[in-house]
PDB file of all heavy atoms in Angstrom:
ATOM      1  N   ASP A   1       0.824  -1.205   0.000  1.00  0.00           N
ATOM      2  CA  ASP A   1       0.000   0.000   0.000  1.00  0.00           C
ATOM      3  C   ASP A   1       0.859   1.257   0.000  1.00  0.00           C
ATOM      4  O   ASP A   1       0.626   2.187  -0.784  1.00  0.00           O
ATOM      5  CB  ASP A   1      -0.915  -0.011   1.229  1.00  0.00           C
ATOM      6  CG  ASP A   1      -1.929   1.125   1.186  1.00  0.00           C
ATOM      7  OD1 ASP A   1      -2.785   1.105   0.298  1.00  0.00           O
ATOM      8  OD2 ASP A   1      -1.848   2.030   2.043  1.00  0.00           O
ATOM      9  N   GLN A   2       1.867   1.296   0.866  1.00  0.00           N
ATOM     10  CA  GLN A   2       2.707   2.486   0.962  1.00  0.00           C
ATOM     11  C   GLN A   2       3.580   2.665  -0.276  1.00  0.00           C
ATOM     12  O   GLN A   2       3.797   3.793  -0.723  1.00  0.00           O
ATOM     13  CB  GLN A   2       3.585   2.408   2.230  1.00  0.00           C
ATOM     14  CG  GLN A   2       2.794   2.509   3.512  1.00  0.00           C
ATOM     15  CD  GLN A   2       1.926   3.747   3.560  1.00  0.00           C
ATOM     16  OE1 GLN A   2       2.396   4.871   3.377  1.00  0.00           O
ATOM     17  NE2 GLN A   2       0.624   3.563   3.777  1.00  0.00           N
ATOM     18  N   PHE A   3       4.053   1.564  -0.839  1.00  0.00           N
ATOM     19  CA  PHE A   3       4.865   1.670  -2.058  1.00  0.00           C
ATOM     20  C   PHE A   3       4.000   2.152  -3.222  1.00  0.00           C
ATOM     21  O   PHE A   3       4.437   2.963  -4.042  1.00  0.00           O
ATOM     22  CB  PHE A   3       5.515   0.329  -2.391  1.00  0.00           C
ATOM     23  CG  PHE A   3       6.486   0.402  -3.537  1.00  0.00           C
ATOM     24  CD1 PHE A   3       7.631   1.175  -3.440  1.00  0.00           C
ATOM     25  CD2 PHE A   3       6.241  -0.291  -4.712  1.00  0.00           C
ATOM     26  CE1 PHE A   3       8.529   1.254  -4.505  1.00  0.00           C
ATOM     27  CE2 PHE A   3       7.130  -0.227  -5.773  1.00  0.00           C
ATOM     28  CZ  PHE A   3       8.276   0.554  -5.670  1.00  0.00           C
ATOM     29  N   ALA A   4       2.756   1.654  -3.284  1.00  0.00           N
ATOM     30  CA  ALA A   4       1.831   2.113  -4.324  1.00  0.00           C
ATOM     31  C   ALA A   4       1.580   3.615  -4.195  1.00  0.00           C
ATOM     32  O   ALA A   4       1.578   4.348  -5.197  1.00  0.00           O
ATOM     33  CB  ALA A   4       0.513   1.349  -4.236  1.00  0.00           C
ATOM     34  N   ASN A   5       1.377   4.086  -2.964  1.00  0.00           N
ATOM     35  CA  ASN A   5       1.155   5.520  -2.747  1.00  0.00           C
ATOM     36  C   ASN A   5       2.392   6.339  -3.125  1.00  0.00           C
ATOM     37  O   ASN A   5       2.274   7.427  -3.709  1.00  0.00           O
ATOM     38  CB  ASN A   5       0.785   5.789  -1.285  1.00  0.00           C
ATOM     39  CG  ASN A   5      -0.631   5.356  -0.956  1.00  0.00           C
ATOM     40  OD1 ASN A   5      -1.490   5.312  -1.833  1.00  0.00           O
ATOM     41  ND2 ASN A   5      -0.876   5.017   0.293  1.00  0.00           N
ATOM     42  N   PHE A   6       3.561   5.815  -2.799  1.00  0.00           N
ATOM     43  CA  PHE A   6       4.806   6.507  -3.142  1.00  0.00           C
ATOM     44  C   PHE A   6       4.933   6.671  -4.653  1.00  0.00           C
ATOM     45  O   PHE A   6       5.261   7.755  -5.155  1.00  0.00           O
ATOM     46  CB  PHE A   6       6.005   5.733  -2.586  1.00  0.00           C
ATOM     47  CG  PHE A   6       7.327   6.249  -3.066  1.00  0.00           C
ATOM     48  CD1 PHE A   6       7.871   7.410  -2.532  1.00  0.00           C
ATOM     49  CD2 PHE A   6       8.035   5.585  -4.067  1.00  0.00           C
ATOM     50  CE1 PHE A   6       9.095   7.902  -2.985  1.00  0.00           C
ATOM     51  CE2 PHE A   6       9.249   6.058  -4.516  1.00  0.00           C
ATOM     52  CZ  PHE A   6       9.788   7.223  -3.978  1.00  0.00           C
ATOM     53  N   VAL A   7       4.666   5.588  -5.380  1.00  0.00           N
ATOM     54  CA  VAL A   7       4.768   5.642  -6.842  1.00  0.00           C
ATOM     55  C   VAL A   7       3.693   6.558  -7.427  1.00  0.00           C
ATOM     56  O   VAL A   7       3.955   7.330  -8.360  1.00  0.00           O
ATOM     57  CB  VAL A   7       4.662   4.223  -7.444  1.00  0.00           C
ATOM     58  CG1 VAL A   7       4.626   4.292  -8.978  1.00  0.00           C
ATOM     59  CG2 VAL A   7       5.829   3.357  -6.988  1.00  0.00           C
ATOM     60  N   LYS A   8       2.468   6.494  -6.876  1.00  0.00           N
ATOM     61  CA  LYS A   8       1.391   7.351  -7.380  1.00  0.00           C
ATOM     62  C   LYS A   8       1.780   8.822  -7.337  1.00  0.00           C
ATOM     63  O   LYS A   8       1.574   9.562  -8.308  1.00  0.00           O
ATOM     64  CB  LYS A   8       0.121   7.144  -6.545  1.00  0.00           C
ATOM     65  CG  LYS A   8      -0.641   5.876  -6.852  1.00  0.00           C
ATOM     66  CD  LYS A   8      -1.845   5.730  -5.924  1.00  0.00           C
ATOM     67  CE  LYS A   8      -2.546   4.403  -6.128  1.00  0.00           C
ATOM     68  NZ  LYS A   8      -3.672   4.215  -5.187  1.00  0.00           N
ATOM     69  N   TYR A   9       2.347   9.255  -6.217  1.00  0.00           N
ATOM     70  CA  TYR A   9       2.668  10.669  -6.071  1.00  0.00           C
ATOM     71  C   TYR A   9       4.031  11.027  -6.649  1.00  0.00           C
ATOM     72  O   TYR A   9       4.413  12.204  -6.663  1.00  0.00           O
ATOM     73  CB  TYR A   9       2.574  11.072  -4.598  1.00  0.00           C
ATOM     74  CG  TYR A   9       1.142  11.124  -4.126  1.00  0.00           C
ATOM     75  CD1 TYR A   9       0.563  10.053  -3.448  1.00  0.00           C
ATOM     76  CD2 TYR A   9       0.343  12.231  -4.418  1.00  0.00           C
ATOM     77  CE1 TYR A   9      -0.764  10.091  -3.046  1.00  0.00           C
ATOM     78  CE2 TYR A   9      -0.987  12.277  -4.016  1.00  0.00           C
ATOM     79  CZ  TYR A   9      -1.536  11.201  -3.334  1.00  0.00           C
ATOM     80  OH  TYR A   9      -2.854  11.242  -2.956  1.00  0.00           O
ATOM     81  N   SER A  10       4.749  10.015  -7.147  1.00  0.00           N
ATOM     82  CA  SER A  10       5.984  10.275  -7.879  1.00  0.00           C
ATOM     83  C   SER A  10       5.700  10.386  -9.375  1.00  0.00           C
ATOM     84  O   SER A  10       6.232  11.258 -10.059  1.00  0.00           O
ATOM     85  CB  SER A  10       6.997   9.149  -7.631  1.00  0.00           C
ATOM     86  OG  SER A  10       7.355   9.073  -6.266  1.00  0.00           O
ATOM     87  N   VAL A  11       4.827   9.501  -9.878  1.00  0.00           N
ATOM     88  CA  VAL A  11       4.495   9.487 -11.299  1.00  0.00           C
ATOM     89  C   VAL A  11       3.428  10.526 -11.637  1.00  0.00           C
ATOM     90  O   VAL A  11       3.466  11.164 -12.693  1.00  0.00           O
ATOM     91  CB  VAL A  11       4.017   8.076 -11.724  1.00  0.00           C
ATOM     92  CG1 VAL A  11       3.559   8.064 -13.180  1.00  0.00           C
ATOM     93  CG2 VAL A  11       5.138   7.052 -11.507  1.00  0.00           C
ATOM     94  N   CYS A  12       2.450  10.690 -10.716  1.00  0.00           N
ATOM     95  CA  CYS A  12       1.374  11.679 -10.881  1.00  0.00           C
ATOM     96  C   CYS A  12       0.552  11.462 -12.156  1.00  0.00           C
ATOM     97  O   CYS A  12       0.270  12.402 -12.904  1.00  0.00           O
ATOM     98  CB  CYS A  12       1.925  13.109 -10.857  1.00  0.00           C
ATOM     99  SG  CYS A  12       2.658  13.582  -9.287  1.00  0.00           S
ATOM    100  N   ARG A  13       0.192  10.212 -12.406  1.00  0.00           N
ATOM    101  CA  ARG A  13      -0.671   9.913 -13.546  1.00  0.00           C
ATOM    102  C   ARG A  13      -2.121   9.951 -13.079  1.00  0.00           C
ATOM    103  O   ARG A  13      -2.532   9.150 -12.241  1.00  0.00           O
ATOM    104  CB  ARG A  13      -0.357   8.526 -14.109  1.00  0.00           C
ATOM    105  CG  ARG A  13      -1.180   8.175 -15.346  1.00  0.00           C
ATOM    106  CD  ARG A  13      -1.054   6.707 -15.694  1.00  0.00           C
ATOM    107  NE  ARG A  13      -1.584   6.418 -17.019  1.00  0.00           N
ATOM    108  CZ  ARG A  13      -1.745   5.193 -17.496  1.00  0.00           C
ATOM    109  NH1 ARG A  13      -1.421   4.142 -16.759  1.00  0.00           N
ATOM    110  NH2 ARG A  13      -2.227   5.009 -18.705  1.00  0.00           N
ATOM    111  N   PRO A  14      -2.937  10.863 -13.611  1.00  0.00           N
ATOM    112  CA  PRO A  14      -4.334  10.966 -13.158  1.00  0.00           C
ATOM    113  C   PRO A  14      -5.121   9.676 -13.426  1.00  0.00           C
ATOM    114  O   PRO A  14      -4.862   8.964 -14.400  1.00  0.00           O
ATOM    115  CB  PRO A  14      -4.890  12.124 -13.992  1.00  0.00           C
ATOM    116  CG  PRO A  14      -3.690  12.920 -14.385  1.00  0.00           C
ATOM    117  CD  PRO A  14      -2.603  11.919 -14.582  1.00  0.00           C
ATOM    118  N   ARG A  15      -6.061   9.397 -12.561  1.00  0.00           N
ATOM    119  CA  ARG A  15      -6.949   8.258 -12.781  1.00  0.00           C
ATOM    120  C   ARG A  15      -7.769   8.499 -14.051  1.00  0.00           C
ATOM    121  O   ARG A  15      -8.012   9.654 -14.428  1.00  0.00           O
ATOM    122  CB  ARG A  15      -7.897   8.091 -11.585  1.00  0.00           C
ATOM    123  CG  ARG A  15      -7.211   7.805 -10.259  1.00  0.00           C
ATOM    124  CD  ARG A  15      -8.247   7.688  -9.154  1.00  0.00           C
ATOM    125  NE  ARG A  15      -7.644   7.548  -7.843  1.00  0.00           N
ATOM    126  CZ  ARG A  15      -7.257   6.391  -7.310  1.00  0.00           C
ATOM    127  NH1 ARG A  15      -7.451   5.263  -8.000  1.00  0.00           N
ATOM    128  NH2 ARG A  15      -6.718   6.338  -6.105  1.00  0.00           N
ATOM    129  N   PRO A  16      -8.233   7.417 -14.688  1.00  0.00           N
ATOM    130  CA  PRO A  16      -9.059   7.616 -15.894  1.00  0.00           C
ATOM    131  C   PRO A  16     -10.324   8.436 -15.625  1.00  0.00           C
ATOM    132  O   PRO A  16     -10.762   9.198 -16.490  1.00  0.00           O
ATOM    133  CB  PRO A  16      -9.391   6.186 -16.338  1.00  0.00           C
ATOM    134  CG  PRO A  16      -9.024   5.296 -15.191  1.00  0.00           C
ATOM    135  CD  PRO A  16      -7.968   6.001 -14.431  1.00  0.00           C
ATOM    136  N   CYS A  17     -10.904   8.310 -14.414  1.00  0.00           N
ATOM    137  CA  CYS A  17     -12.100   9.078 -14.086  1.00  0.00           C
ATOM    138  C   CYS A  17     -11.803  10.562 -13.907  1.00  0.00           C
ATOM    139  O   CYS A  17     -12.723  11.380 -13.788  1.00  0.00           O
ATOM    140  CB  CYS A  17     -12.783   8.520 -12.837  1.00  0.00           C
ATOM    141  SG  CYS A  17     -11.742   8.548 -11.365  1.00  0.00           S
ATOM    142  N   CYS A  18     -10.522  10.922 -13.880  1.00  0.00           N
ATOM    143  CA  CYS A  18     -10.118  12.323 -13.780  1.00  0.00           C
ATOM    144  C   CYS A  18      -9.634  12.868 -15.125  1.00  0.00           C
ATOM    145  O   CYS A  18      -9.188  14.018 -15.205  1.00  0.00           O
ATOM    146  CB  CYS A  18      -8.998  12.486 -12.737  1.00  0.00           C
ATOM    147  SG  CYS A  18      -9.458  12.004 -11.068  1.00  0.00           S
ATOM    148  N   ASP A  19      -9.692  12.024 -16.158  1.00  0.00           N
ATOM    149  CA  ASP A  19      -9.218  12.377 -17.489  1.00  0.00           C
ATOM    150  C   ASP A  19     -10.419  12.728 -18.370  1.00  0.00           C
ATOM    151  O   ASP A  19     -11.247  11.861 -18.671  1.00  0.00           O
ATOM    152  CB  ASP A  19      -8.439  11.201 -18.079  1.00  0.00           C
ATOM    153  CG  ASP A  19      -7.751  11.535 -19.391  1.00  0.00           C
ATOM    154  OD1 ASP A  19      -8.304  12.336 -20.163  1.00  0.00           O
ATOM    155  OD2 ASP A  19      -6.670  10.971 -19.655  1.00  0.00           O
ATOM    156  N   THR A  20     -10.512  13.973 -18.779  1.00  0.00           N
ATOM    157  CA  THR A  20     -11.665  14.404 -19.582  1.00  0.00           C
ATOM    158  C   THR A  20     -11.741  13.668 -20.917  1.00  0.00           C
ATOM    159  O   THR A  20     -12.844  13.414 -21.422  1.00  0.00           O
ATOM    160  CB  THR A  20     -11.600  15.922 -19.838  1.00  0.00           C
ATOM    161  OG1 THR A  20     -10.330  16.255 -20.413  1.00  0.00           O
ATOM    162  CG2 THR A  20     -11.790  16.698 -18.545  1.00  0.00           C
ATOM    163  N   ASP A  21     -10.587  13.307 -21.488  1.00  0.00           N
ATOM    164  CA  ASP A  21     -10.599  12.566 -22.756  1.00  0.00           C
ATOM    165  C   ASP A  21     -11.220  11.192 -22.568  1.00  0.00           C
ATOM    166  O   ASP A  21     -11.971  10.712 -23.428  1.00  0.00           O
ATOM    167  CB  ASP A  21      -9.175  12.422 -23.301  1.00  0.00           C
ATOM    168  CG  ASP A  21      -8.612  13.748 -23.807  1.00  0.00           C
ATOM    169  OD1 ASP A  21      -9.426  14.636 -24.138  1.00  0.00           O
ATOM    170  OD2 ASP A  21      -7.379  13.886 -23.874  1.00  0.00           O
ATOM    171  N   MET A  22     -10.895  10.524 -21.445  1.00  0.00           N
ATOM    172  CA  MET A  22     -11.459   9.202 -21.168  1.00  0.00           C
ATOM    173  C   MET A  22     -12.966   9.308 -20.912  1.00  0.00           C
ATOM    174  O   MET A  22     -13.751   8.478 -21.386  1.00  0.00           O
ATOM    175  CB  MET A  22     -10.764   8.568 -19.966  1.00  0.00           C
ATOM    176  CG  MET A  22      -9.316   8.169 -20.225  1.00  0.00           C
ATOM    177  SD  MET A  22      -9.171   6.801 -21.413  1.00  0.00           S
ATOM    178  CE  MET A  22      -9.704   5.412 -20.403  1.00  0.00           C
ATOM    179  N   LEU A  23     -13.372  10.324 -20.187  1.00  0.00           N
ATOM    180  CA  LEU A  23     -14.793  10.518 -19.905  1.00  0.00           C
ATOM    181  C   LEU A  23     -15.559  10.825 -21.197  1.00  0.00           C
ATOM    182  O   LEU A  23     -16.660  10.320 -21.415  1.00  0.00           O
ATOM    183  CB  LEU A  23     -14.983  11.647 -18.898  1.00  0.00           C
ATOM    184  CG  LEU A  23     -14.466  11.361 -17.477  1.00  0.00           C
ATOM    185  CD1 LEU A  23     -14.492  12.634 -16.638  1.00  0.00           C
ATOM    186  CD2 LEU A  23     -15.295  10.272 -16.805  1.00  0.00           C
ATOM    187  N   PHE A  24     -14.959  11.628 -22.055  1.00  0.00           N
ATOM    188  CA  PHE A  24     -15.574  11.961 -23.337  1.00  0.00           C
ATOM    189  C   PHE A  24     -15.686  10.729 -24.228  1.00  0.00           C
ATOM    190  O   PHE A  24     -16.629  10.599 -25.021  1.00  0.00           O
ATOM    191  CB  PHE A  24     -14.757  13.044 -24.047  1.00  0.00           C
ATOM    192  CG  PHE A  24     -15.363  13.509 -25.337  1.00  0.00           C
ATOM    193  CD1 PHE A  24     -16.458  14.362 -25.339  1.00  0.00           C
ATOM    194  CD2 PHE A  24     -14.837  13.084 -26.557  1.00  0.00           C
ATOM    195  CE1 PHE A  24     -17.034  14.785 -26.541  1.00  0.00           C
ATOM    196  CE2 PHE A  24     -15.410  13.503 -27.759  1.00  0.00           C
ATOM    197  CZ  PHE A  24     -16.510  14.351 -27.749  1.00  0.00           C
ATOM    198  N   ALA A  25     -14.720   9.797 -24.073  1.00  0.00           N
ATOM    199  CA  ALA A  25     -14.716   8.568 -24.876  1.00  0.00           C
ATOM    200  C   ALA A  25     -15.723   7.545 -24.361  1.00  0.00           C
ATOM    201  O   ALA A  25     -15.879   6.476 -24.955  1.00  0.00           O
ATOM    202  CB  ALA A  25     -13.316   7.956 -24.897  1.00  0.00           C
ATOM    203  N   GLY A  26     -16.391   7.853 -23.236  1.00  0.00           N
ATOM    204  CA  GLY A  26     -17.445   6.973 -22.745  1.00  0.00           C
ATOM    205  C   GLY A  26     -17.106   6.194 -21.497  1.00  0.00           C
ATOM    206  O   GLY A  26     -17.810   5.226 -21.160  1.00  0.00           O
ATOM    207  N   LEU A  27     -16.060   6.586 -20.787  1.00  0.00           N
ATOM    208  CA  LEU A  27     -15.695   5.872 -19.564  1.00  0.00           C
ATOM    209  C   LEU A  27     -16.837   5.903 -18.559  1.00  0.00           C
ATOM    210  O   LEU A  27     -17.441   6.952 -18.309  1.00  0.00           O
ATOM    211  CB  LEU A  27     -14.454   6.503 -18.932  1.00  0.00           C
ATOM    212  CG  LEU A  27     -13.941   5.824 -17.658  1.00  0.00           C
ATOM    213  CD1 LEU A  27     -13.099   4.602 -18.017  1.00  0.00           C
ATOM    214  CD2 LEU A  27     -13.130   6.786 -16.798  1.00  0.00           C
ATOM    215  N   ASN A  28     -17.136   4.758 -17.976  1.00  0.00           N
ATOM    216  CA  ASN A  28     -18.169   4.640 -16.946  1.00  0.00           C
ATOM    217  C   ASN A  28     -17.511   4.824 -15.585  1.00  0.00           C
ATOM    218  O   ASN A  28     -16.824   3.931 -15.093  1.00  0.00           O
ATOM    219  CB  ASN A  28     -18.830   3.262 -17.035  1.00  0.00           C
ATOM    220  CG  ASN A  28     -19.948   3.094 -16.025  1.00  0.00           C
ATOM    221  OD1 ASN A  28     -20.749   3.991 -15.818  1.00  0.00           O
ATOM    222  ND2 ASN A  28     -19.999   1.929 -15.388  1.00  0.00           N
ATOM    223  N   ALA A  29     -17.682   5.991 -14.984  1.00  0.00           N
ATOM    224  CA  ALA A  29     -17.050   6.307 -13.701  1.00  0.00           C
ATOM    225  C   ALA A  29     -18.061   6.136 -12.574  1.00  0.00           C
ATOM    226  O   ALA A  29     -18.991   6.931 -12.447  1.00  0.00           O
ATOM    227  CB  ALA A  29     -16.489   7.725 -13.712  1.00  0.00           C
ATOM    228  N   LEU A  30     -17.874   5.090 -11.772  1.00  0.00           N
ATOM    229  CA  LEU A  30     -18.823   4.792 -10.698  1.00  0.00           C
ATOM    230  C   LEU A  30     -18.501   5.539  -9.411  1.00  0.00           C
ATOM    231  O   LEU A  30     -19.341   5.614  -8.521  1.00  0.00           O
ATOM    232  CB  LEU A  30     -18.836   3.285 -10.435  1.00  0.00           C
ATOM    233  CG  LEU A  30     -19.285   2.418 -11.617  1.00  0.00           C
ATOM    234  CD1 LEU A  30     -19.251   0.945 -11.243  1.00  0.00           C
ATOM    235  CD2 LEU A  30     -20.676   2.814 -12.089  1.00  0.00           C
ATOM    236  N   PHE A  31     -17.276   6.056  -9.305  1.00  0.00           N
ATOM    237  CA  PHE A  31     -16.887   6.847  -8.139  1.00  0.00           C
ATOM    238  C   PHE A  31     -16.367   8.198  -8.638  1.00  0.00           C
ATOM    239  O   PHE A  31     -15.155   8.409  -8.704  1.00  0.00           O
ATOM    240  CB  PHE A  31     -15.799   6.134  -7.322  1.00  0.00           C
ATOM    241  CG  PHE A  31     -16.225   4.823  -6.733  1.00  0.00           C
ATOM    242  CD1 PHE A  31     -15.598   3.645  -7.121  1.00  0.00           C
ATOM    243  CD2 PHE A  31     -17.250   4.757  -5.802  1.00  0.00           C
ATOM    244  CE1 PHE A  31     -15.981   2.432  -6.573  1.00  0.00           C
ATOM    245  CE2 PHE A  31     -17.636   3.546  -5.253  1.00  0.00           C
ATOM    246  CZ  PHE A  31     -17.002   2.379  -5.646  1.00  0.00           C
ATOM    247  N   PRO A  32     -17.246   9.113  -8.997  1.00  0.00           N
ATOM    248  CA  PRO A  32     -16.811  10.412  -9.529  1.00  0.00           C
ATOM    249  C   PRO A  32     -15.868  11.126  -8.562  1.00  0.00           C
ATOM    250  O   PRO A  32     -16.094  11.139  -7.352  1.00  0.00           O
ATOM    251  CB  PRO A  32     -18.125  11.184  -9.694  1.00  0.00           C
ATOM    252  CG  PRO A  32     -19.177  10.124  -9.799  1.00  0.00           C
ATOM    253  CD  PRO A  32     -18.710   9.012  -8.909  1.00  0.00           C
ATOM    254  N   GLN A  33     -14.814  11.706  -9.119  1.00  0.00           N
ATOM    255  CA  GLN A  33     -13.814  12.398  -8.312  1.00  0.00           C
ATOM    256  C   GLN A  33     -14.022  13.914  -8.394  1.00  0.00           C
ATOM    257  O   GLN A  33     -14.153  14.477  -9.490  1.00  0.00           O
ATOM    258  CB  GLN A  33     -12.405  12.048  -8.809  1.00  0.00           C
ATOM    259  CG  GLN A  33     -12.086  10.552  -8.773  1.00  0.00           C
ATOM    260  CD  GLN A  33     -11.866  10.047  -7.369  1.00  0.00           C
ATOM    261  OE1 GLN A  33     -10.871  10.356  -6.728  1.00  0.00           O
ATOM    262  NE2 GLN A  33     -12.807   9.248  -6.891  1.00  0.00           N
ATOM    263  N   LYS A  34     -14.073  14.567  -7.241  1.00  0.00           N
ATOM    264  CA  LYS A  34     -14.235  16.019  -7.210  1.00  0.00           C
ATOM    265  C   LYS A  34     -12.916  16.727  -7.497  1.00  0.00           C
ATOM    266  O   LYS A  34     -12.887  17.836  -8.008  1.00  0.00           O
ATOM    267  CB  LYS A  34     -14.788  16.458  -5.850  1.00  0.00           C
ATOM    268  CG  LYS A  34     -16.209  15.944  -5.581  1.00  0.00           C
ATOM    269  CD  LYS A  34     -16.725  16.431  -4.240  1.00  0.00           C
ATOM    270  CE  LYS A  34     -18.154  15.945  -3.989  1.00  0.00           C
ATOM    271  NZ  LYS A  34     -18.684  16.388  -2.679  1.00  0.00           N
ATOM    272  N   THR A  35     -11.828  16.085  -7.139  1.00  0.00           N
ATOM    273  CA  THR A  35     -10.501  16.638  -7.422  1.00  0.00           C
ATOM    274  C   THR A  35      -9.666  15.576  -8.125  1.00  0.00           C
ATOM    275  O   THR A  35      -9.981  14.381  -8.074  1.00  0.00           O
ATOM    276  CB  THR A  35      -9.784  17.066  -6.122  1.00  0.00           C
ATOM    277  OG1 THR A  35      -9.676  15.923  -5.247  1.00  0.00           O
ATOM    278  CG2 THR A  35     -10.563  18.161  -5.412  1.00  0.00           C
ATOM    279  N   VAL A  36      -8.611  16.000  -8.782  1.00  0.00           N
ATOM    280  CA  VAL A  36      -7.739  15.074  -9.494  1.00  0.00           C
ATOM    281  C   VAL A  36      -6.957  14.227  -8.493  1.00  0.00           C
ATOM    282  O   VAL A  36      -6.371  14.747  -7.537  1.00  0.00           O
ATOM    283  CB  VAL A  36      -6.758  15.830 -10.414  1.00  0.00           C
ATOM    284  CG1 VAL A  36      -5.766  14.857 -11.038  1.00  0.00           C
ATOM    285  CG2 VAL A  36      -7.515  16.586 -11.492  1.00  0.00           C
ATOM    286  N   SER A  37      -6.994  12.910  -8.691  1.00  0.00           N
ATOM    287  CA  SER A  37      -6.173  12.014  -7.878  1.00  0.00           C
ATOM    288  C   SER A  37      -5.422  11.078  -8.807  1.00  0.00           C
ATOM    289  O   SER A  37      -5.771  10.955  -9.990  1.00  0.00           O
ATOM    290  CB  SER A  37      -7.036  11.219  -6.886  1.00  0.00           C
ATOM    291  OG  SER A  37      -7.992  10.437  -7.565  1.00  0.00           O
ATOM    292  N   TYR A  38      -4.409  10.429  -8.278  1.00  0.00           N
ATOM    293  CA  TYR A  38      -3.497   9.661  -9.123  1.00  0.00           C
ATOM    294  C   TYR A  38      -3.717   8.158  -8.961  1.00  0.00           C
ATOM    295  O   TYR A  38      -4.110   7.684  -7.894  1.00  0.00           O
ATOM    296  CB  TYR A  38      -2.055  10.031  -8.792  1.00  0.00           C
ATOM    297  CG  TYR A  38      -1.802  11.528  -8.878  1.00  0.00           C
ATOM    298  CD1 TYR A  38      -1.316  12.247  -7.791  1.00  0.00           C
ATOM    299  CD2 TYR A  38      -2.084  12.215 -10.053  1.00  0.00           C
ATOM    300  CE1 TYR A  38      -1.107  13.619  -7.869  1.00  0.00           C
ATOM    301  CE2 TYR A  38      -1.876  13.583 -10.150  1.00  0.00           C
ATOM    302  CZ  TYR A  38      -1.389  14.290  -9.054  1.00  0.00           C
ATOM    303  OH  TYR A  38      -1.196  15.643  -9.143  1.00  0.00           O
ATOM    304  N   GLY A  39      -3.422   7.423 -10.046  1.00  0.00           N
ATOM    305  CA  GLY A  39      -3.777   6.008 -10.040  1.00  0.00           C
ATOM    306  C   GLY A  39      -2.700   5.016 -10.410  1.00  0.00           C
ATOM    307  O   GLY A  39      -2.968   3.816 -10.383  1.00  0.00           O
TER     308      GLY A  39
END
């Protein structure tokens, strides 16, 4: 868990539900994010 968190905040790749291109392409986001988080 901690290593995953370390890599998330080192790489800073947004989750698909935070990516407007993915949402526009039809991504089904079951847990909408109010702010950008990393995945």
